[in-house]
N, C-alpha and C. Protein backbone atom coordinates (compact mmCIF):
# COMPACT_ATOMS: atom_id res chain seq x y z
N UNK A 1 110.30 103.73 105.41
CA UNK A 1 109.76 102.56 105.34
C UNK A 1 110.59 101.77 104.14
N UNK A 2 111.02 100.35 104.50
CA UNK A 2 111.25 99.68 103.09
C UNK A 2 110.40 98.71 102.04
N UNK A 3 110.50 98.33 101.87
CA UNK A 3 109.10 97.85 100.33
C UNK A 3 108.50 97.02 100.71
N UNK A 4 108.44 95.97 101.04
CA UNK A 4 107.88 95.56 101.91
C UNK A 4 106.61 95.91 103.29
N UNK A 5 107.39 96.51 103.95
CA UNK A 5 106.72 97.03 104.83
C UNK A 5 105.09 98.06 104.40
N UNK A 6 105.82 99.00 103.02
CA UNK A 6 104.65 100.08 102.49
C UNK A 6 103.77 98.93 101.66
N UNK A 7 104.31 97.91 101.11
CA UNK A 7 103.19 96.78 100.76
C UNK A 7 102.53 96.34 101.40
N UNK A 8 103.02 96.08 102.25
CA UNK A 8 101.84 95.42 103.14
C UNK A 8 101.07 96.33 103.97
N UNK A 9 101.54 97.73 104.16
CA UNK A 9 100.59 98.48 104.56
C UNK A 9 99.96 98.72 103.79
N UNK A 10 100.10 98.80 102.28
CA UNK A 10 98.90 99.64 101.69
C UNK A 10 97.89 98.25 101.17
N UNK A 11 98.39 96.93 100.93
CA UNK A 11 97.29 95.55 101.20
C UNK A 11 96.32 95.71 102.30
N UNK A 12 96.71 95.90 103.61
CA UNK A 12 95.84 96.05 104.58
C UNK A 12 94.82 97.15 104.35
N UNK A 13 95.38 97.79 103.76
CA UNK A 13 94.15 98.95 104.29
C UNK A 13 93.06 99.14 102.20
N UNK A 14 93.94 98.04 101.72
CA UNK A 14 92.89 97.67 100.48
C UNK A 14 92.02 96.51 100.90
N UNK A 15 92.10 95.68 101.76
CA UNK A 15 91.82 94.82 102.58
C UNK A 15 90.68 95.31 103.26
N UNK A 16 90.88 96.06 103.36
CA UNK A 16 89.93 97.18 104.82
C UNK A 16 88.84 97.68 104.02
N UNK A 17 89.13 97.93 102.58
CA UNK A 17 88.31 98.63 101.78
C UNK A 17 88.71 100.30 101.12
N UNK A 18 89.63 100.73 101.61
CA UNK A 18 89.83 101.75 101.72
C UNK A 18 90.90 101.96 100.26
N UNK A 19 91.09 103.49 100.12
CA UNK A 19 91.80 104.10 99.05
C UNK A 19 92.88 104.06 99.08
N UNK A 20 94.08 104.10 97.94
CA UNK A 20 95.69 103.90 98.29
C UNK A 20 95.54 105.10 96.86
N UNK A 21 96.89 105.84 96.91
CA UNK A 21 97.15 106.83 96.07
C UNK A 21 98.84 106.27 95.99
N UNK A 22 99.14 105.91 94.63
CA UNK A 22 99.78 104.92 94.56
C UNK A 22 100.78 105.13 93.15
N UNK A 23 101.76 104.66 93.31
CA UNK A 23 102.42 105.19 91.45
C UNK A 23 102.89 103.88 90.71
N UNK A 24 102.02 104.26 89.45
CA UNK A 24 102.15 102.87 88.83
C UNK A 24 102.65 103.08 87.44
N UNK A 25 103.68 101.78 86.60
CA UNK A 25 104.04 102.30 85.83
C UNK A 25 103.58 103.28 84.30
N UNK A 26 102.50 104.35 84.58
CA UNK A 26 102.21 105.11 83.72
C UNK A 26 102.53 106.43 84.83
N UNK A 27 101.00 106.70 85.50
CA UNK A 27 100.90 107.81 85.94
C UNK A 27 100.75 107.97 87.39
N UNK A 28 100.34 108.33 88.15
CA UNK A 28 99.82 108.47 89.83
C UNK A 28 98.43 108.21 89.26
N UNK A 29 98.20 106.81 90.48
CA UNK A 29 96.73 106.28 90.31
C UNK A 29 96.64 106.00 91.58
N UNK A 30 94.71 106.32 91.66
CA UNK A 30 94.19 106.50 93.05
C UNK A 30 93.70 104.39 92.53
N UNK A 31 93.86 104.03 93.77
CA UNK A 31 93.56 102.68 93.33
C UNK A 31 92.65 101.64 94.93
N UNK A 32 92.33 100.71 94.41
CA UNK A 32 91.33 100.08 95.61
C UNK A 32 91.10 98.74 95.23
N UNK A 33 90.85 97.40 95.38
CA UNK A 33 90.23 96.19 95.89
C UNK A 33 89.13 96.37 94.39
N UNK A 34 89.20 95.85 93.49
CA UNK A 34 88.52 95.89 92.18
C UNK A 34 87.54 94.83 92.34
N UNK A 35 87.48 94.03 93.03
CA UNK A 35 86.16 93.16 93.96
C UNK A 35 85.19 94.03 95.17
N UNK A 36 85.55 94.94 95.58
CA UNK A 36 84.91 95.94 96.92
C UNK A 36 84.11 97.25 95.74
N UNK A 37 82.39 96.65 95.76
CA UNK A 37 81.86 97.85 94.83
C UNK A 37 81.84 98.99 95.53
N UNK A 38 81.87 99.31 96.95
CA UNK A 38 81.70 100.33 97.31
C UNK A 38 83.06 101.47 97.69
N UNK A 39 84.32 100.16 97.65
CA UNK A 39 85.79 101.21 97.57
C UNK A 39 85.56 101.85 95.93
N UNK A 40 85.54 100.84 95.43
CA UNK A 40 85.21 101.76 93.54
C UNK A 40 84.22 102.82 93.55
N UNK A 41 83.33 102.70 94.84
CA UNK A 41 82.36 103.79 94.54
C UNK A 41 83.06 105.03 95.20
N UNK A 42 83.93 105.04 96.02
CA UNK A 42 85.15 105.53 96.57
C UNK A 42 85.37 106.68 96.28
N UNK A 43 85.96 106.01 94.95
CA UNK A 43 87.10 106.38 94.02
C UNK A 43 86.36 107.68 93.04
N UNK A 44 85.38 107.09 92.77
CA UNK A 44 84.34 107.84 91.95
C UNK A 44 84.00 108.84 92.39
N UNK A 45 83.69 108.79 93.82
CA UNK A 45 82.97 109.61 94.38
C UNK A 45 84.58 111.28 94.54
N UNK A 46 85.66 110.46 94.80
CA UNK A 46 87.02 111.08 95.15
C UNK A 46 87.46 112.03 93.64
N UNK A 47 87.10 111.47 92.18
CA UNK A 47 86.91 111.84 91.03
C UNK A 47 86.22 112.94 90.46
N UNK A 48 85.22 112.36 91.14
CA UNK A 48 83.97 113.72 91.08
C UNK A 48 83.45 113.30 89.08
N UNK A 49 83.63 112.10 89.42
CA UNK A 49 83.43 111.29 88.25
C UNK A 49 82.12 110.75 88.42
N UNK A 50 81.01 110.57 86.97
CA UNK A 50 79.80 109.88 87.31
C UNK A 50 80.09 107.84 87.06
N UNK A 51 79.48 106.82 87.31
CA UNK A 51 80.07 105.79 87.81
C UNK A 51 79.55 105.16 86.48
N UNK A 52 79.06 105.62 85.34
CA UNK A 52 78.76 104.71 84.46
C UNK A 52 80.22 104.70 83.43
N UNK A 53 81.10 105.43 83.76
CA UNK A 53 82.55 104.94 83.01
C UNK A 53 83.18 103.95 83.52
N UNK A 54 83.72 103.15 82.61
CA UNK A 54 84.52 101.86 83.10
C UNK A 54 85.85 102.29 83.67
N UNK A 55 86.57 101.70 84.46
CA UNK A 55 88.05 101.89 85.46
C UNK A 55 89.30 101.01 84.47
N UNK A 56 90.35 100.79 84.19
CA UNK A 56 91.21 100.60 84.35
C UNK A 56 91.67 99.79 85.20
N UNK A 57 91.81 98.45 85.02
CA UNK A 57 92.13 97.16 86.64
C UNK A 57 93.71 97.39 86.20
N UNK A 58 94.35 97.00 87.55
CA UNK A 58 95.79 95.90 87.21
C UNK A 58 95.65 95.12 87.54
N UNK A 59 96.86 93.92 86.84
CA UNK A 59 96.60 92.44 87.79
C UNK A 59 98.54 91.91 87.62
N UNK A 60 98.64 91.39 88.20
CA UNK A 60 99.84 91.13 88.42
C UNK A 60 100.68 90.59 87.09
N UNK A 61 99.80 89.18 86.57
CA UNK A 61 100.40 89.13 85.97
C UNK A 61 98.95 88.30 84.69
N UNK A 62 99.27 87.42 83.61
CA UNK A 62 98.52 87.10 82.89
C UNK A 62 97.71 85.71 83.41
N UNK A 63 97.93 85.47 84.34
CA UNK A 63 97.22 84.13 85.30
C UNK A 63 96.44 84.82 86.18
N UNK A 64 96.33 85.95 86.66
CA UNK A 64 95.66 86.93 87.49
C UNK A 64 94.14 87.71 86.85
N UNK A 65 94.76 87.61 85.53
CA UNK A 65 93.83 88.15 83.98
C UNK A 65 92.99 87.11 83.69
N UNK A 66 93.62 85.97 84.24
CA UNK A 66 92.67 84.91 83.72
C UNK A 66 91.53 84.65 84.68
N UNK A 67 91.94 84.74 85.75
CA UNK A 67 91.28 84.17 86.60
C UNK A 67 89.72 84.92 86.52
N UNK A 68 89.68 86.25 86.01
CA UNK A 68 88.71 87.38 86.13
C UNK A 68 88.34 87.76 84.84
N UNK A 69 88.29 86.87 83.98
CA UNK A 69 88.29 87.21 81.98
C UNK A 69 87.58 85.46 82.21
N UNK A 70 86.24 85.63 81.35
CA UNK A 70 85.84 83.98 81.04
C UNK A 70 86.23 83.30 80.20
N UNK A 71 86.76 84.03 79.17
CA UNK A 71 87.44 83.46 78.21
C UNK A 71 88.69 84.51 77.84
N UNK A 72 90.36 84.52 77.96
CA UNK A 72 91.08 85.42 77.33
C UNK A 72 91.21 84.87 75.98
N UNK A 73 91.15 85.75 75.20
CA UNK A 73 91.40 85.44 73.59
C UNK A 73 92.76 85.43 73.09
N UNK A 74 93.21 84.53 72.84
CA UNK A 74 95.35 84.27 72.42
C UNK A 74 95.47 84.83 71.78
N UNK A 75 95.14 86.59 71.12
CA UNK A 75 96.16 87.66 70.40
C UNK A 75 96.18 88.30 71.70
N UNK A 76 95.15 87.83 72.92
CA UNK A 76 95.98 89.22 74.08
C UNK A 76 97.34 88.79 74.78
N UNK A 77 96.92 87.28 74.80
CA UNK A 77 98.43 87.00 75.27
C UNK A 77 99.66 87.11 74.75
N UNK A 78 98.89 87.13 73.54
CA UNK A 78 100.40 87.40 72.71
C UNK A 78 100.86 88.68 72.36
N UNK A 79 99.65 89.34 72.64
CA UNK A 79 100.27 91.33 72.63
C UNK A 79 101.25 91.53 74.13
N UNK A 80 100.96 90.63 75.17
CA UNK A 80 100.76 91.03 76.09
C UNK A 80 103.13 90.31 76.39
N UNK A 81 103.07 89.57 75.81
CA UNK A 81 104.54 88.59 75.51
C UNK A 81 105.36 89.61 74.83
N UNK A 82 104.58 90.17 73.98
CA UNK A 82 105.46 91.29 73.05
C UNK A 82 105.60 92.54 73.41
N UNK A 83 105.17 93.02 74.12
CA UNK A 83 104.36 94.42 74.59
C UNK A 83 105.83 94.58 75.71
N UNK A 84 106.25 96.01 75.54
CA UNK A 84 107.31 96.72 76.28
C UNK A 84 107.19 98.27 76.29
N UNK A 85 106.47 98.25 76.10
CA UNK A 85 105.10 99.95 76.76
C UNK A 85 104.31 99.61 77.46
N UNK A 86 103.70 100.53 78.25
CA UNK A 86 102.13 100.11 79.07
C UNK A 86 101.07 100.50 78.37
N UNK A 87 100.50 99.20 78.25
CA UNK A 87 99.62 98.75 77.13
C UNK A 87 98.20 98.53 78.11
N UNK A 88 97.12 98.65 78.08
CA UNK A 88 95.94 98.53 78.25
C UNK A 88 95.28 97.55 77.51
N UNK A 89 94.54 96.20 78.19
CA UNK A 89 93.59 95.54 76.85
C UNK A 89 92.29 95.80 77.68
N UNK A 90 91.29 96.21 76.59
CA UNK A 90 90.03 95.94 76.88
C UNK A 90 89.60 94.50 76.61
N UNK A 91 88.85 93.37 77.83
CA UNK A 91 88.97 92.59 77.04
C UNK A 91 87.07 92.00 77.69
N UNK A 92 86.56 91.09 76.78
CA UNK A 92 85.36 90.66 76.74
C UNK A 92 85.16 89.73 77.76
N UNK A 93 84.22 89.61 78.13
CA UNK A 93 83.56 88.93 79.44
C UNK A 93 83.94 88.89 80.45
N UNK A 94 83.94 89.76 81.41
CA UNK A 94 84.67 89.79 82.75
C UNK A 94 83.67 88.69 83.20
N UNK A 95 84.21 88.64 84.58
CA UNK A 95 84.03 87.52 85.42
C UNK A 95 83.22 88.63 87.10
N UNK A 96 81.78 89.07 86.52
CA UNK A 96 81.54 90.06 87.62
C UNK A 96 80.63 89.42 88.94
N UNK A 97 80.47 90.49 89.91
CA UNK A 97 79.38 90.18 90.82
C UNK A 97 78.34 90.96 90.04
N UNK A 98 77.20 90.56 90.25
CA UNK A 98 75.75 91.07 90.11
C UNK A 98 76.11 92.19 91.22
N UNK A 99 75.22 93.56 90.26
CA UNK A 99 74.97 95.03 90.95
C UNK A 99 74.76 94.79 92.11
N UNK A 100 75.08 95.51 92.94
CA UNK A 100 73.99 95.17 94.21
C UNK A 100 74.70 93.89 95.12
N UNK A 101 75.48 93.19 94.75
CA UNK A 101 75.73 92.08 95.48
C UNK A 101 77.04 91.91 96.46
N UNK A 102 77.23 91.27 97.35
CA UNK A 102 78.30 91.49 98.50
C UNK A 102 79.47 91.19 97.98
N UNK A 103 80.58 92.12 98.60
CA UNK A 103 81.81 91.38 97.40
C UNK A 103 81.72 89.97 97.91
N UNK A 104 82.74 89.62 96.09
CA UNK A 104 83.59 88.54 95.97
C UNK A 104 84.81 88.68 95.54
N UNK A 105 85.77 87.77 96.24
CA UNK A 105 86.95 88.25 95.72
C UNK A 105 87.56 87.45 94.76
N UNK A 106 86.69 86.42 93.80
CA UNK A 106 86.66 85.84 93.03
C UNK A 106 86.20 86.08 91.42
N UNK A 107 85.05 87.67 92.13
CA UNK A 107 84.05 88.60 90.89
C UNK A 107 84.73 89.69 91.01
N UNK A 108 84.20 90.59 89.55
CA UNK A 108 84.95 91.94 89.87
C UNK A 108 84.14 92.82 90.72
N UNK A 109 83.74 93.83 90.86
CA UNK A 109 83.25 94.83 91.30
C UNK A 109 82.29 94.87 89.94
N UNK A 110 80.76 95.23 89.79
CA UNK A 110 80.02 95.24 88.69
C UNK A 110 80.41 96.74 88.17
N UNK A 111 80.58 97.74 89.33
CA UNK A 111 81.23 99.04 88.90
C UNK A 111 82.78 98.94 88.36
N UNK A 112 82.78 98.35 88.22
CA UNK A 112 84.38 98.54 86.95
C UNK A 112 84.40 97.10 85.66
N UNK A 113 82.89 97.55 85.58
CA UNK A 113 82.91 96.82 84.48
C UNK A 113 82.07 97.55 83.61
N UNK A 114 81.90 97.55 81.53
CA UNK A 114 81.66 98.64 80.90
C UNK A 114 80.57 98.18 80.72
N UNK A 115 78.99 98.33 80.53
CA UNK A 115 77.75 98.20 79.99
C UNK A 115 77.66 96.93 79.04
N UNK A 116 79.03 96.90 78.16
CA UNK A 116 78.98 95.48 77.17
C UNK A 116 79.83 94.17 78.05
N UNK A 117 80.06 93.97 78.96
CA UNK A 117 80.46 93.03 80.17
C UNK A 117 81.88 93.44 79.81
N UNK A 118 82.53 93.99 79.29
CA UNK A 118 84.26 94.37 79.27
C UNK A 118 84.78 94.98 80.15
N UNK A 119 86.16 94.63 80.38
CA UNK A 119 86.66 95.59 81.21
C UNK A 119 88.55 95.57 81.08
N UNK A 120 88.80 96.84 81.43
CA UNK A 120 90.26 96.83 80.80
C UNK A 120 91.25 97.00 82.21
N UNK A 121 92.09 95.64 81.58
CA UNK A 121 93.22 95.54 82.25
C UNK A 121 94.42 95.60 82.15
N UNK A 122 95.56 95.88 82.96
CA UNK A 122 97.04 95.90 82.21
C UNK A 122 97.94 95.30 83.44
N UNK A 123 99.12 94.81 82.58
CA UNK A 123 99.49 94.33 83.85
C UNK A 123 101.10 94.97 83.44
N UNK A 124 101.09 96.14 84.49
CA UNK A 124 102.08 97.25 84.45
C UNK A 124 103.61 96.46 84.44
N UNK A 125 104.19 97.37 83.65
CA UNK A 125 105.59 97.37 83.44
C UNK A 125 106.79 97.90 84.71
N UNK A 126 106.17 97.62 85.95
CA UNK A 126 106.97 98.12 87.23
C UNK A 126 107.28 97.21 88.41
N UNK A 127 108.19 97.33 88.26
CA UNK A 127 108.15 96.37 89.40
C UNK A 127 107.36 95.88 90.80
N UNK A 128 107.17 97.45 90.76
CA UNK A 128 107.10 97.27 92.84
C UNK A 128 105.49 97.19 92.50
N UNK A 129 104.91 97.79 91.28
CA UNK A 129 103.16 98.12 91.44
C UNK A 129 103.13 96.51 90.86
N UNK A 130 103.80 95.37 90.13
CA UNK A 130 103.18 94.13 89.67
C UNK A 130 103.54 93.09 91.46
N UNK A 131 104.62 93.92 92.14
CA UNK A 131 104.92 93.40 93.65
C UNK A 131 103.58 93.91 94.29
N UNK A 132 103.12 94.77 94.50
CA UNK A 132 101.86 95.56 95.23
C UNK A 132 100.84 94.83 94.86
N UNK A 133 100.44 94.60 93.61
CA UNK A 133 99.09 93.82 93.18
C UNK A 133 99.61 92.24 93.58
N UNK A 134 100.33 91.74 93.57
CA UNK A 134 100.71 89.97 93.58
C UNK A 134 100.77 90.13 95.43
N UNK A 135 100.94 91.00 95.87
CA UNK A 135 100.97 90.54 97.31
C UNK A 135 99.13 90.87 98.16
N UNK A 136 98.79 91.40 97.06
CA UNK A 136 97.41 91.44 97.37
C UNK A 136 96.39 90.39 97.29
N UNK A 137 96.64 89.92 95.45
CA UNK A 137 96.03 88.57 95.57
C UNK A 137 95.31 88.80 94.32
N UNK A 138 94.17 90.21 94.40
CA UNK A 138 93.61 90.45 93.44
C UNK A 138 93.23 91.78 92.39
N UNK A 139 92.69 91.59 91.66
CA UNK A 139 93.42 93.09 90.75
C UNK A 139 92.89 94.59 91.46
N UNK A 140 93.58 95.18 90.95
CA UNK A 140 93.32 96.73 91.95
C UNK A 140 92.70 97.65 90.80
N UNK A 141 92.47 98.47 91.33
CA UNK A 141 91.62 100.02 90.50
C UNK A 141 93.34 100.87 89.86
N UNK A 142 93.25 101.30 88.91
CA UNK A 142 93.66 102.42 88.30
C UNK A 142 93.72 103.28 87.80
N UNK A 143 93.05 104.53 88.10
CA UNK A 143 92.81 105.70 87.45
C UNK A 143 93.47 106.59 88.10
N UNK A 144 93.72 107.99 87.12
CA UNK A 144 94.84 108.64 87.48
C UNK A 144 94.29 109.86 88.53
N UNK A 145 94.71 109.83 89.65
CA UNK A 145 94.79 110.74 90.57
C UNK A 145 94.62 112.10 90.18
N UNK A 146 93.24 112.35 89.64
CA UNK A 146 93.16 113.58 89.54
C UNK A 146 91.30 113.65 89.69
N UNK A 147 90.86 115.26 89.72
CA UNK A 147 89.49 115.13 89.50
C UNK A 147 88.85 114.87 88.02
N UNK A 148 87.82 114.31 87.60
CA UNK A 148 87.61 114.43 86.27
C UNK A 148 87.49 115.82 85.55
N UNK A 149 88.08 115.81 84.58
CA UNK A 149 88.41 116.67 83.40
C UNK A 149 89.35 117.55 83.89
N UNK A 150 90.52 117.55 84.71
CA UNK A 150 91.55 118.28 85.40
C UNK A 150 92.61 117.15 84.58
N UNK A 151 93.85 117.93 84.47
CA UNK A 151 95.17 116.89 83.73
C UNK A 151 95.36 115.93 84.71
N UNK A 152 95.94 115.02 83.77
CA UNK A 152 96.61 113.77 84.84
C UNK A 152 97.78 114.17 85.33
N UNK A 153 97.94 113.51 87.05
CA UNK A 153 99.30 114.25 87.31
C UNK A 153 100.66 113.61 86.57
N UNK A 154 101.50 114.35 86.04
CA UNK A 154 102.82 113.41 85.59
C UNK A 154 103.61 112.66 86.72
N UNK A 155 104.00 113.48 87.97
CA UNK A 155 104.14 112.84 88.90
C UNK A 155 103.53 113.65 89.87
N UNK A 156 104.20 113.02 92.03
CA UNK A 156 103.75 113.44 93.14
C UNK A 156 103.33 114.67 93.07
N UNK A 157 103.84 115.92 92.67
CA UNK A 157 104.07 116.41 92.77
C UNK A 157 102.83 117.57 92.55
N UNK A 158 102.07 116.70 90.82
CA UNK A 158 100.81 117.07 90.10
C UNK A 158 100.04 117.17 90.52
N UNK A 159 99.87 116.31 91.85
CA UNK A 159 98.37 115.87 92.51
C UNK A 159 97.48 117.06 93.44
N UNK A 160 96.62 116.92 93.26
CA UNK A 160 96.06 118.12 94.13
C UNK A 160 96.03 117.82 95.53
N UNK A 161 96.17 119.07 96.10
CA UNK A 161 96.02 118.72 97.91
C UNK A 161 94.24 117.53 97.97
N UNK A 162 93.26 118.42 97.64
CA UNK A 162 92.26 117.82 97.47
C UNK A 162 92.40 116.46 97.21
N UNK A 163 92.69 115.89 96.23
CA UNK A 163 92.87 114.08 95.94
C UNK A 163 93.88 113.63 96.96
N UNK A 164 95.13 114.34 97.69
CA UNK A 164 95.82 113.73 98.30
C UNK A 164 95.20 113.53 100.25
N UNK A 165 94.11 114.35 100.40
CA UNK A 165 93.63 114.33 101.68
C UNK A 165 92.08 112.90 101.47
N UNK A 166 91.99 112.72 100.22
CA UNK A 166 90.63 112.11 100.67
C UNK A 166 91.24 110.73 100.24
N UNK A 167 92.12 110.45 100.34
CA UNK A 167 92.90 108.77 100.12
C UNK A 167 93.14 108.28 101.63
N UNK A 168 93.37 107.02 101.98
CA UNK A 168 93.48 106.81 103.00
C UNK A 168 95.39 106.18 103.37
N UNK A 169 95.37 105.92 101.98
CA UNK A 169 97.12 105.88 102.12
C UNK A 169 97.68 106.21 101.35
N UNK A 170 98.95 106.84 101.60
CA UNK A 170 100.07 107.17 100.26
C UNK A 170 100.87 106.65 100.02
N UNK A 171 101.50 105.63 98.98
CA UNK A 171 102.95 105.31 98.87
C UNK A 171 103.60 106.17 98.90
N UNK A 172 104.83 106.27 99.46
CA UNK A 172 106.02 106.74 99.82
C UNK A 172 106.41 107.41 98.37
N UNK A 173 106.72 108.57 97.49
CA UNK A 173 106.77 108.87 96.06
C UNK A 173 108.45 108.06 95.86
N UNK A 174 109.58 107.95 96.83
CA UNK A 174 109.80 107.17 96.03
C UNK A 174 110.23 105.88 95.38
N UNK A 175 109.21 105.15 95.58
CA UNK A 175 109.02 103.99 94.96
C UNK A 175 107.94 104.30 93.66
N UNK A 176 108.03 105.96 93.29
CA UNK A 176 107.50 105.80 91.78
C UNK A 176 108.58 105.66 90.78
N UNK A 177 109.29 105.70 91.06
CA UNK A 177 110.37 105.69 90.21
C UNK A 177 110.02 104.91 88.49
N UNK A 178 110.22 104.97 87.17
CA UNK A 178 110.07 104.26 86.37
C UNK A 178 108.41 104.48 85.59
N UNK A 179 108.32 105.29 86.46
CA UNK A 179 106.58 105.87 85.84
C UNK A 179 106.75 106.62 84.59
N UNK A 180 106.16 106.38 83.31
CA UNK A 180 106.26 107.04 82.44
C UNK A 180 105.68 108.46 82.08
N UNK A 181 104.91 108.89 83.11
CA UNK A 181 103.95 110.41 83.42
C UNK A 181 103.25 110.37 82.22
N UNK A 182 102.85 109.49 81.23
CA UNK A 182 101.78 109.45 79.95
C UNK A 182 100.80 108.05 80.37
N UNK A 183 99.72 108.10 79.81
CA UNK A 183 98.81 107.34 80.12
C UNK A 183 99.19 106.01 79.13
N UNK A 184 99.05 104.71 79.35
CA UNK A 184 98.85 104.00 78.49
C UNK A 184 98.26 103.87 76.65
N UNK A 185 98.47 103.10 76.35
CA UNK A 185 97.50 102.77 75.20
C UNK A 185 96.36 101.97 75.78
N UNK A 186 95.42 101.47 74.70
CA UNK A 186 94.25 100.78 75.16
C UNK A 186 94.02 99.98 73.67
N UNK A 187 94.06 99.17 73.87
CA UNK A 187 93.84 98.05 72.81
C UNK A 187 92.26 96.96 73.62
N UNK A 188 91.56 97.46 72.22
CA UNK A 188 90.70 96.40 72.59
C UNK A 188 90.14 94.74 72.02
N UNK A 189 90.18 93.90 72.45
CA UNK A 189 90.27 92.42 71.70
C UNK A 189 89.12 91.41 71.33
N UNK A 190 89.06 91.03 70.73
CA UNK A 190 87.88 90.21 70.73
C UNK A 190 88.27 88.89 70.53
N UNK A 191 87.02 87.76 70.97
CA UNK A 191 87.52 86.25 70.59
C UNK A 191 87.91 85.78 69.40
N UNK A 192 87.27 86.60 68.35
CA UNK A 192 87.70 86.24 67.15
C UNK A 192 89.03 87.01 67.04
N UNK A 193 89.65 87.55 67.72
CA UNK A 193 91.10 87.70 67.17
C UNK A 193 91.52 89.01 66.38
N UNK A 194 90.13 89.44 66.58
CA UNK A 194 89.99 91.63 66.58
C UNK A 194 90.56 92.38 67.10
N UNK A 195 91.03 93.09 66.63
CA UNK A 195 92.33 94.88 67.91
C UNK A 195 90.82 95.81 66.72
N UNK A 196 91.08 96.03 67.99
CA UNK A 196 90.59 97.80 68.05
C UNK A 196 91.67 98.50 68.69
N UNK A 197 92.64 99.44 68.38
CA UNK A 197 92.91 100.57 69.03
C UNK A 197 92.23 101.73 69.37
N UNK A 198 92.21 101.89 70.72
CA UNK A 198 91.50 102.23 71.53
C UNK A 198 92.04 104.02 71.90
N UNK A 199 93.36 103.70 72.06
CA UNK A 199 94.11 104.88 72.48
C UNK A 199 95.67 104.50 72.21
N UNK A 200 96.43 104.99 71.21
CA UNK A 200 97.44 104.52 70.75
C UNK A 200 98.78 105.03 71.81
């Protein structure tokens, strides 16, 4: 399949509330519509992970980030502009739906957001990944494709059959070039321009 056909098929699965297995700029990830709480819950079930843990989301660009954050700290924009390695930013004040509310494409699902209202978002340094998120039109969950507690797969071959069989659509591994095989750094930013390094 050509890239545009793969992206079209993946986007349809995401719109239908399904879970995809896809390459990011770091490791292979489990992804779903970040505005659909039932799809997000399915990812927690696949990973056998408590849903009290927040998730990383991918956005195609800072414009998309701004649509889902009440006020983006200026320091975050500056960090993204100069960044040349995979970097996830924890933003304060996510625009999120109430727990139990019906999906709203303009609001993140409540189960993607931490207890303090923050949310972790990365603009991937991977063209395929950015095009996928852009085509979908809203953030996609990005969590490593492994059972919780097991090592994150560095490549497609490292993904367990249990995870592979649990998803609704798998991106062809040929589109996984450029992934680092390592988790991104995580930086928490505040409206007061504060920066806290969560993971280097």
